[in-house]
PDB file of all heavy atoms in Angstrom:
ATOM      1  N   GLY A   1      -8.812  -1.234  -5.989  1.00  0.00           N
ATOM      2  CA  GLY A   1      -7.760  -0.353  -6.483  1.00  0.00           C
ATOM      3  C   GLY A   1      -7.044   0.401  -5.384  1.00  0.00           C
ATOM      4  O   GLY A   1      -6.517   1.478  -5.601  1.00  0.00           O
ATOM      5  N   ALA A   2      -6.981  -0.214  -4.184  1.00  0.00           N
ATOM      6  CA  ALA A   2      -6.353   0.477  -3.062  1.00  0.00           C
ATOM      7  C   ALA A   2      -4.833   0.584  -3.170  1.00  0.00           C
ATOM      8  O   ALA A   2      -4.244   1.531  -2.670  1.00  0.00           O
ATOM      9  CB  ALA A   2      -6.735  -0.217  -1.739  1.00  0.00           C
ATOM     10  N   VAL A   3      -4.208  -0.403  -3.823  1.00  0.00           N
ATOM     11  CA  VAL A   3      -2.738  -0.427  -3.853  1.00  0.00           C
ATOM     12  C   VAL A   3      -2.142   0.796  -4.492  1.00  0.00           C
ATOM     13  O   VAL A   3      -1.281   1.453  -3.885  1.00  0.00           O
ATOM     14  CB  VAL A   3      -2.264  -1.733  -4.514  1.00  0.00           C
ATOM     15  CG1 VAL A   3      -0.736  -1.678  -4.801  1.00  0.00           C
ATOM     16  CG2 VAL A   3      -2.598  -2.928  -3.655  1.00  0.00           C
ATOM     17  N   PRO A   4      -2.545   1.192  -5.702  1.00  0.00           N
ATOM     18  CA  PRO A   4      -1.981   2.450  -6.286  1.00  0.00           C
ATOM     19  C   PRO A   4      -2.259   3.659  -5.419  1.00  0.00           C
ATOM     20  O   PRO A   4      -1.375   4.536  -5.295  1.00  0.00           O
ATOM     21  CB  PRO A   4      -2.660   2.551  -7.638  1.00  0.00           C
ATOM     22  CG  PRO A   4      -3.126   1.168  -7.956  1.00  0.00           C
ATOM     23  CD  PRO A   4      -3.454   0.561  -6.660  1.00  0.00           C
ATOM     24  N   ALA A   5      -3.435   3.716  -4.836  1.00  0.00           N
ATOM     25  CA  ALA A   5      -3.795   4.894  -3.998  1.00  0.00           C
ATOM     26  C   ALA A   5      -2.906   4.943  -2.768  1.00  0.00           C
ATOM     27  O   ALA A   5      -2.415   6.041  -2.380  1.00  0.00           O
ATOM     28  CB  ALA A   5      -5.262   4.797  -3.591  1.00  0.00           C
ATOM     29  N   LEU A   6      -2.648   3.804  -2.097  1.00  0.00           N
ATOM     30  CA  LEU A   6      -1.862   3.789  -0.901  1.00  0.00           C
ATOM     31  C   LEU A   6      -0.376   4.111  -1.202  1.00  0.00           C
ATOM     32  O   LEU A   6       0.281   4.877  -0.463  1.00  0.00           O
ATOM     33  CB  LEU A   6      -1.938   2.441  -0.243  1.00  0.00           C
ATOM     34  CG  LEU A   6      -3.299   2.071   0.369  1.00  0.00           C
ATOM     35  CD1 LEU A   6      -3.365   0.589   0.760  1.00  0.00           C
ATOM     36  CD2 LEU A   6      -3.592   2.965   1.554  1.00  0.00           C
ATOM     37  N   PHE A   7       0.150   3.622  -2.312  1.00  0.00           N
ATOM     38  CA  PHE A   7       1.536   3.909  -2.662  1.00  0.00           C
ATOM     39  C   PHE A   7       1.708   5.349  -3.149  1.00  0.00           C
ATOM     40  O   PHE A   7       2.815   5.912  -3.043  1.00  0.00           O
ATOM     41  CB  PHE A   7       2.054   2.895  -3.667  1.00  0.00           C
ATOM     42  CG  PHE A   7       2.567   1.630  -3.032  1.00  0.00           C
ATOM     43  CD1 PHE A   7       1.736   0.505  -2.967  1.00  0.00           C
ATOM     44  CD2 PHE A   7       3.807   1.587  -2.435  1.00  0.00           C
ATOM     45  CE1 PHE A   7       2.192  -0.645  -2.353  1.00  0.00           C
ATOM     46  CE2 PHE A   7       4.234   0.424  -1.819  1.00  0.00           C
ATOM     47  CZ  PHE A   7       3.429  -0.696  -1.763  1.00  0.00           C
ATOM     48  N   SER A   8       0.633   5.911  -3.683  1.00  0.00           N
ATOM     49  CA  SER A   8       0.701   7.335  -4.010  1.00  0.00           C
ATOM     50  C   SER A   8       0.860   8.185  -2.730  1.00  0.00           C
ATOM     51  O   SER A   8       1.594   9.160  -2.711  1.00  0.00           O
ATOM     52  CB  SER A   8      -0.609   7.751  -4.733  1.00  0.00           C
ATOM     53  OG  SER A   8      -0.661   9.144  -4.946  1.00  0.00           O
ATOM     54  N   MET A   9       0.200   7.769  -1.622  1.00  0.00           N
ATOM     55  CA  MET A   9       0.381   8.434  -0.381  1.00  0.00           C
ATOM     56  C   MET A   9       1.802   8.257   0.187  1.00  0.00           C
ATOM     57  O   MET A   9       2.368   9.172   0.757  1.00  0.00           O
ATOM     58  CB  MET A   9      -0.658   7.919   0.647  1.00  0.00           C
ATOM     59  CG  MET A   9      -2.088   8.225   0.278  1.00  0.00           C
ATOM     60  SD  MET A   9      -3.283   7.440   1.380  1.00  0.00           S
ATOM     61  CE  MET A   9      -2.897   8.301   2.896  1.00  0.00           C
ATOM     62  N   VAL A  10       2.385   7.051  -0.014  1.00  0.00           N
ATOM     63  CA  VAL A  10       3.725   6.817   0.440  1.00  0.00           C
ATOM     64  C   VAL A  10       4.712   7.707  -0.320  1.00  0.00           C
ATOM     65  O   VAL A  10       5.632   8.316   0.281  1.00  0.00           O
ATOM     66  CB  VAL A  10       4.110   5.332   0.282  1.00  0.00           C
ATOM     67  CG1 VAL A  10       5.560   5.091   0.610  1.00  0.00           C
ATOM     68  CG2 VAL A  10       3.227   4.462   1.174  1.00  0.00           C
ATOM     69  N   ARG A  11       4.545   7.807  -1.620  1.00  0.00           N
ATOM     70  CA  ARG A  11       5.445   8.632  -2.426  1.00  0.00           C
ATOM     71  C   ARG A  11       5.325  10.102  -2.032  1.00  0.00           C
ATOM     72  O   ARG A  11       6.331  10.810  -1.963  1.00  0.00           O
ATOM     73  CB  ARG A  11       5.148   8.479  -3.914  1.00  0.00           C
ATOM     74  CG  ARG A  11       5.608   7.169  -4.518  1.00  0.00           C
ATOM     75  CD  ARG A  11       5.631   7.259  -6.057  1.00  0.00           C
ATOM     76  NE  ARG A  11       4.300   7.574  -6.560  1.00  0.00           N
ATOM     77  CZ  ARG A  11       3.410   6.672  -6.912  1.00  0.00           C
ATOM     78  NH1 ARG A  11       3.704   5.358  -6.786  1.00  0.00           N
ATOM     79  NH2 ARG A  11       2.248   7.015  -7.384  1.00  0.00           N
ATOM     80  N   SER A  12       4.109  10.566  -1.801  1.00  0.00           N
ATOM     81  CA  SER A  12       3.919  11.997  -1.474  1.00  0.00           C
ATOM     82  C   SER A  12       4.326  12.332  -0.040  1.00  0.00           C
ATOM     83  O   SER A  12       4.555  13.465   0.272  1.00  0.00           O
ATOM     84  CB  SER A  12       2.481  12.397  -1.714  1.00  0.00           C
ATOM     85  OG  SER A  12       1.617  11.735  -0.783  1.00  0.00           O
ATOM     86  N   GLY A  13       4.376  11.296   0.811  1.00  0.00           N
ATOM     87  CA  GLY A  13       4.740  11.526   2.204  1.00  0.00           C
ATOM     88  C   GLY A  13       3.564  11.941   3.079  1.00  0.00           C
ATOM     89  O   GLY A  13       3.708  12.123   4.273  1.00  0.00           O
ATOM     90  N   GLU A  14       2.378  12.115   2.478  1.00  0.00           N
ATOM     91  CA  GLU A  14       1.188  12.512   3.248  1.00  0.00           C
ATOM     92  C   GLU A  14       0.539  11.298   3.873  1.00  0.00           C
ATOM     93  O   GLU A  14       0.078  10.393   3.187  1.00  0.00           O
ATOM     94  CB  GLU A  14       0.191  13.223   2.315  1.00  0.00           C
ATOM     95  CG  GLU A  14      -1.019  13.742   3.062  1.00  0.00           C
ATOM     96  CD  GLU A  14      -1.991  14.480   2.154  1.00  0.00           C
ATOM     97  OE1 GLU A  14      -1.637  14.692   0.959  1.00  0.00           O
ATOM     98  OE2 GLU A  14      -3.071  14.851   2.600  1.00  0.00           O
ATOM     99  N   SER A  15       0.547  11.237   5.206  1.00  0.00           N
ATOM    100  CA  SER A  15       0.008  10.079   5.940  1.00  0.00           C
ATOM    101  C   SER A  15       0.669   8.805   5.498  1.00  0.00           C
ATOM    102  O   SER A  15       0.035   7.737   5.426  1.00  0.00           O
ATOM    103  CB  SER A  15      -1.525   9.979   5.776  1.00  0.00           C
ATOM    104  OG  SER A  15      -2.166  11.112   6.295  1.00  0.00           O
ATOM    105  N   ALA A  16       1.962   8.868   5.223  1.00  0.00           N
ATOM    106  CA  ALA A  16       2.686   7.690   4.682  1.00  0.00           C
ATOM    107  C   ALA A  16       2.690   6.540   5.673  1.00  0.00           C
ATOM    108  O   ALA A  16       2.467   5.392   5.300  1.00  0.00           O
ATOM    109  CB  ALA A  16       4.110   8.087   4.301  1.00  0.00           C
ATOM    110  N   SER A  17       2.935   6.824   6.970  1.00  0.00           N
ATOM    111  CA  SER A  17       3.002   5.765   7.963  1.00  0.00           C
ATOM    112  C   SER A  17       1.663   5.072   8.101  1.00  0.00           C
ATOM    113  O   SER A  17       1.590   3.855   8.341  1.00  0.00           O
ATOM    114  CB  SER A  17       3.466   6.300   9.317  1.00  0.00           C
ATOM    115  OG  SER A  17       4.789   6.721   9.262  1.00  0.00           O
ATOM    116  N   ARG A  18       0.586   5.847   8.007  1.00  0.00           N
ATOM    117  CA  ARG A  18      -0.766   5.258   8.080  1.00  0.00           C
ATOM    118  C   ARG A  18      -0.993   4.325   6.876  1.00  0.00           C
ATOM    119  O   ARG A  18      -1.523   3.240   6.998  1.00  0.00           O
ATOM    120  CB  ARG A  18      -1.798   6.362   8.138  1.00  0.00           C
ATOM    121  CG  ARG A  18      -1.739   7.202   9.358  1.00  0.00           C
ATOM    122  CD  ARG A  18      -2.618   8.439   9.241  1.00  0.00           C
ATOM    123  NE  ARG A  18      -2.518   9.278  10.430  1.00  0.00           N
ATOM    124  CZ  ARG A  18      -2.979  10.526  10.493  1.00  0.00           C
ATOM    125  NH1 ARG A  18      -3.550  11.069   9.461  1.00  0.00           N
ATOM    126  NH2 ARG A  18      -2.877  11.174  11.610  1.00  0.00           N
ATOM    127  N   ALA A  19      -0.621   4.805   5.701  1.00  0.00           N
ATOM    128  CA  ALA A  19      -0.814   3.975   4.484  1.00  0.00           C
ATOM    129  C   ALA A  19       0.028   2.700   4.589  1.00  0.00           C
ATOM    130  O   ALA A  19      -0.448   1.628   4.171  1.00  0.00           O
ATOM    131  CB  ALA A  19      -0.417   4.765   3.259  1.00  0.00           C
ATOM    132  N   LEU A  20       1.207   2.800   5.173  1.00  0.00           N
ATOM    133  CA  LEU A  20       2.097   1.615   5.271  1.00  0.00           C
ATOM    134  C   LEU A  20       1.502   0.570   6.203  1.00  0.00           C
ATOM    135  O   LEU A  20       1.717  -0.644   5.982  1.00  0.00           O
ATOM    136  CB  LEU A  20       3.478   2.042   5.776  1.00  0.00           C
ATOM    137  CG  LEU A  20       4.357   2.737   4.723  1.00  0.00           C
ATOM    138  CD1 LEU A  20       5.531   3.410   5.403  1.00  0.00           C
ATOM    139  CD2 LEU A  20       4.828   1.729   3.699  1.00  0.00           C
ATOM    140  N   LEU A  21       0.716   0.987   7.209  1.00  0.00           N
ATOM    141  CA  LEU A  21       0.073   0.007   8.061  1.00  0.00           C
ATOM    142  C   LEU A  21      -0.846  -0.880   7.263  1.00  0.00           C
ATOM    143  O   LEU A  21      -0.860  -2.121   7.423  1.00  0.00           O
ATOM    144  CB  LEU A  21      -0.745   0.740   9.144  1.00  0.00           C
ATOM    145  CG  LEU A  21       0.035   1.312  10.351  1.00  0.00           C
ATOM    146  CD1 LEU A  21      -0.942   2.106  11.231  1.00  0.00           C
ATOM    147  CD2 LEU A  21       0.691   0.243  11.145  1.00  0.00           C
ATOM    148  N   VAL A  22      -1.635  -0.313   6.366  1.00  0.00           N
ATOM    149  CA  VAL A  22      -2.574  -1.044   5.541  1.00  0.00           C
ATOM    150  C   VAL A  22      -1.785  -1.853   4.502  1.00  0.00           C
ATOM    151  O   VAL A  22      -2.149  -3.011   4.216  1.00  0.00           O
ATOM    152  CB  VAL A  22      -3.579  -0.108   4.866  1.00  0.00           C
ATOM    153  CG1 VAL A  22      -4.643  -0.898   4.100  1.00  0.00           C
ATOM    154  CG2 VAL A  22      -4.274   0.778   5.898  1.00  0.00           C
ATOM    155  N   ILE A  23      -0.745  -1.269   3.936  1.00  0.00           N
ATOM    156  CA  ILE A  23       0.049  -1.966   2.933  1.00  0.00           C
ATOM    157  C   ILE A  23       0.634  -3.262   3.514  1.00  0.00           C
ATOM    158  O   ILE A  23       0.659  -4.294   2.803  1.00  0.00           O
ATOM    159  CB  ILE A  23       1.174  -1.038   2.408  1.00  0.00           C
ATOM    160  CG1 ILE A  23       0.548   0.029   1.493  1.00  0.00           C
ATOM    161  CG2 ILE A  23       2.232  -1.821   1.669  1.00  0.00           C
ATOM    162  CD1 ILE A  23       1.534   1.121   1.117  1.00  0.00           C
ATOM    163  N   CYS A  24       1.085  -3.227   4.748  1.00  0.00           N
ATOM    164  CA  CYS A  24       1.652  -4.430   5.356  1.00  0.00           C
ATOM    165  C   CYS A  24       0.622  -5.563   5.386  1.00  0.00           C
ATOM    166  O   CYS A  24       0.965  -6.711   5.167  1.00  0.00           O
ATOM    167  CB  CYS A  24       2.137  -4.145   6.774  1.00  0.00           C
ATOM    168  SG  CYS A  24       3.625  -3.135   6.842  1.00  0.00           S
ATOM    169  N   ASN A  25      -0.611  -5.217   5.649  1.00  0.00           N
ATOM    170  CA  ASN A  25      -1.676  -6.267   5.673  1.00  0.00           C
ATOM    171  C   ASN A  25      -1.964  -6.780   4.268  1.00  0.00           C
ATOM    172  O   ASN A  25      -2.114  -7.973   4.073  1.00  0.00           O
ATOM    173  CB  ASN A  25      -2.932  -5.720   6.328  1.00  0.00           C
ATOM    174  CG  ASN A  25      -2.872  -5.740   7.827  1.00  0.00           C
ATOM    175  OD1 ASN A  25      -1.973  -6.337   8.392  1.00  0.00           O
ATOM    176  ND2 ASN A  25      -3.833  -5.108   8.457  1.00  0.00           N
ATOM    177  N   LEU A  26      -2.069  -5.861   3.301  1.00  0.00           N
ATOM    178  CA  LEU A  26      -2.387  -6.287   1.949  1.00  0.00           C
ATOM    179  C   LEU A  26      -1.287  -7.145   1.346  1.00  0.00           C
ATOM    180  O   LEU A  26      -1.543  -7.993   0.511  1.00  0.00           O
ATOM    181  CB  LEU A  26      -2.616  -5.051   1.060  1.00  0.00           C
ATOM    182  CG  LEU A  26      -3.803  -4.144   1.445  1.00  0.00           C
ATOM    183  CD1 LEU A  26      -3.988  -3.057   0.401  1.00  0.00           C
ATOM    184  CD2 LEU A  26      -5.107  -4.937   1.579  1.00  0.00           C
ATOM    185  N   ALA A  27      -0.051  -6.932   1.787  1.00  0.00           N
ATOM    186  CA  ALA A  27       1.092  -7.705   1.261  1.00  0.00           C
ATOM    187  C   ALA A  27       1.048  -9.143   1.767  1.00  0.00           C
ATOM    188  O   ALA A  27       1.852  -9.980   1.328  1.00  0.00           O
ATOM    189  CB  ALA A  27       2.385  -7.043   1.643  1.00  0.00           C
ATOM    190  N   CYS A  28       0.165  -9.436   2.712  1.00  0.00           N
ATOM    191  CA  CYS A  28       0.072 -10.809   3.263  1.00  0.00           C
ATOM    192  C   CYS A  28      -0.760 -11.734   2.346  1.00  0.00           C
ATOM    193  O   CYS A  28      -0.787 -12.943   2.606  1.00  0.00           O
ATOM    194  CB  CYS A  28      -0.543 -10.797   4.641  1.00  0.00           C
ATOM    195  SG  CYS A  28       0.470  -9.965   5.863  1.00  0.00           S
ATOM    196  N   CYS A  29      -1.418 -11.200   1.368  1.00  0.00           N
ATOM    197  CA  CYS A  29      -2.210 -12.072   0.470  1.00  0.00           C
ATOM    198  C   CYS A  29      -1.595 -12.035  -0.930  1.00  0.00           C
ATOM    199  O   CYS A  29      -0.943 -11.068  -1.310  1.00  0.00           O
ATOM    200  CB  CYS A  29      -3.666 -11.617   0.411  1.00  0.00           C
ATOM    201  SG  CYS A  29      -3.979 -10.009  -0.329  1.00  0.00           S
ATOM    202  N   SER A  30      -1.795 -13.073  -1.652  1.00  0.00           N
ATOM    203  CA  SER A  30      -1.163 -13.213  -2.981  1.00  0.00           C
ATOM    204  C   SER A  30      -1.639 -12.117  -3.939  1.00  0.00           C
ATOM    205  O   SER A  30      -0.843 -11.590  -4.729  1.00  0.00           O
ATOM    206  CB  SER A  30      -1.446 -14.588  -3.578  1.00  0.00           C
ATOM    207  OG  SER A  30      -2.827 -14.836  -3.675  1.00  0.00           O
ATOM    208  N   GLU A  31      -2.938 -11.757  -3.890  1.00  0.00           N
ATOM    209  CA  GLU A  31      -3.434 -10.703  -4.759  1.00  0.00           C
ATOM    210  C   GLU A  31      -2.750  -9.389  -4.435  1.00  0.00           C
ATOM    211  O   GLU A  31      -2.418  -8.629  -5.352  1.00  0.00           O
ATOM    212  CB  GLU A  31      -4.946 -10.556  -4.587  1.00  0.00           C
ATOM    213  CG  GLU A  31      -5.747 -11.781  -4.898  1.00  0.00           C
ATOM    214  CD  GLU A  31      -6.144 -12.510  -3.600  1.00  0.00           C
ATOM    215  OE1 GLU A  31      -5.254 -12.636  -2.726  1.00  0.00           O
ATOM    216  OE2 GLU A  31      -7.315 -12.898  -3.476  1.00  0.00           O
ATOM    217  N   GLY A  32      -2.566  -9.113  -3.145  1.00  0.00           N
ATOM    218  CA  GLY A  32      -1.927  -7.858  -2.754  1.00  0.00           C
ATOM    219  C   GLY A  32      -0.483  -7.822  -3.188  1.00  0.00           C
ATOM    220  O   GLY A  32      -0.011  -6.792  -3.714  1.00  0.00           O
ATOM    221  N   ARG A  33       0.267  -8.922  -3.037  1.00  0.00           N
ATOM    222  CA  ARG A  33       1.673  -8.959  -3.444  1.00  0.00           C
ATOM    223  C   ARG A  33       1.787  -8.752  -4.939  1.00  0.00           C
ATOM    224  O   ARG A  33       2.660  -8.017  -5.417  1.00  0.00           O
ATOM    225  CB  ARG A  33       2.317 -10.260  -3.011  1.00  0.00           C
ATOM    226  CG  ARG A  33       2.555 -10.376  -1.525  1.00  0.00           C
ATOM    227  CD  ARG A  33       3.506 -11.538  -1.214  1.00  0.00           C
ATOM    228  NE  ARG A  33       2.901 -12.821  -1.551  1.00  0.00           N
ATOM    229  CZ  ARG A  33       2.159 -13.561  -0.707  1.00  0.00           C
ATOM    230  NH1 ARG A  33       1.876 -13.079   0.496  1.00  0.00           N
ATOM    231  NH2 ARG A  33       1.697 -14.691  -1.059  1.00  0.00           N
ATOM    232  N   SER A  34       0.947  -9.392  -5.681  1.00  0.00           N
ATOM    233  CA  SER A  34       0.986  -9.266  -7.141  1.00  0.00           C
ATOM    234  C   SER A  34       0.724  -7.839  -7.588  1.00  0.00           C
ATOM    235  O   SER A  34       1.438  -7.271  -8.415  1.00  0.00           O
ATOM    236  CB  SER A  34      -0.021 -10.221  -7.793  1.00  0.00           C
ATOM    237  OG  SER A  34      -0.034 -10.059  -9.200  1.00  0.00           O
ATOM    238  N   ALA A  35      -0.345  -7.198  -6.989  1.00  0.00           N
ATOM    239  CA  ALA A  35      -0.658  -5.864  -7.340  1.00  0.00           C
ATOM    240  C   ALA A  35       0.435  -4.853  -6.935  1.00  0.00           C
ATOM    241  O   ALA A  35       0.728  -3.889  -7.631  1.00  0.00           O
ATOM    242  CB  ALA A  35      -1.985  -5.429  -6.652  1.00  0.00           C
ATOM    243  N   MET A  36       1.096  -5.138  -5.821  1.00  0.00           N
ATOM    244  CA  MET A  36       2.159  -4.235  -5.352  1.00  0.00           C
ATOM    245  C   MET A  36       3.402  -4.329  -6.236  1.00  0.00           C
ATOM    246  O   MET A  36       4.032  -3.337  -6.547  1.00  0.00           O
ATOM    247  CB  MET A  36       2.537  -4.550  -3.918  1.00  0.00           C
ATOM    248  CG  MET A  36       1.440  -4.160  -2.896  1.00  0.00           C
ATOM    249  SD  MET A  36       1.926  -4.567  -1.228  1.00  0.00           S
ATOM    250  CE  MET A  36       0.358  -4.282  -0.383  1.00  0.00           C
ATOM    251  N   LEU A  37       3.756  -5.551  -6.615  1.00  0.00           N
ATOM    252  CA  LEU A  37       4.915  -5.704  -7.511  1.00  0.00           C
ATOM    253  C   LEU A  37       4.627  -5.028  -8.854  1.00  0.00           C
ATOM    254  O   LEU A  37       5.540  -4.440  -9.464  1.00  0.00           O
ATOM    255  CB  LEU A  37       5.238  -7.188  -7.689  1.00  0.00           C
ATOM    256  CG  LEU A  37       5.734  -7.910  -6.424  1.00  0.00           C
ATOM    257  CD1 LEU A  37       5.931  -9.391  -6.685  1.00  0.00           C
ATOM    258  CD2 LEU A  37       7.010  -7.278  -5.911  1.00  0.00           C
TER     259      LEU A  37
END
């Protein structure tokens, strides 16, 4: 359940750049892309 948690950080602006680093990696797999969309 990391995807909703990470995007919550992006929306709030708290440690957003750090969360985006992990998001970029998760978007490289099909499960991550599906969960993000």
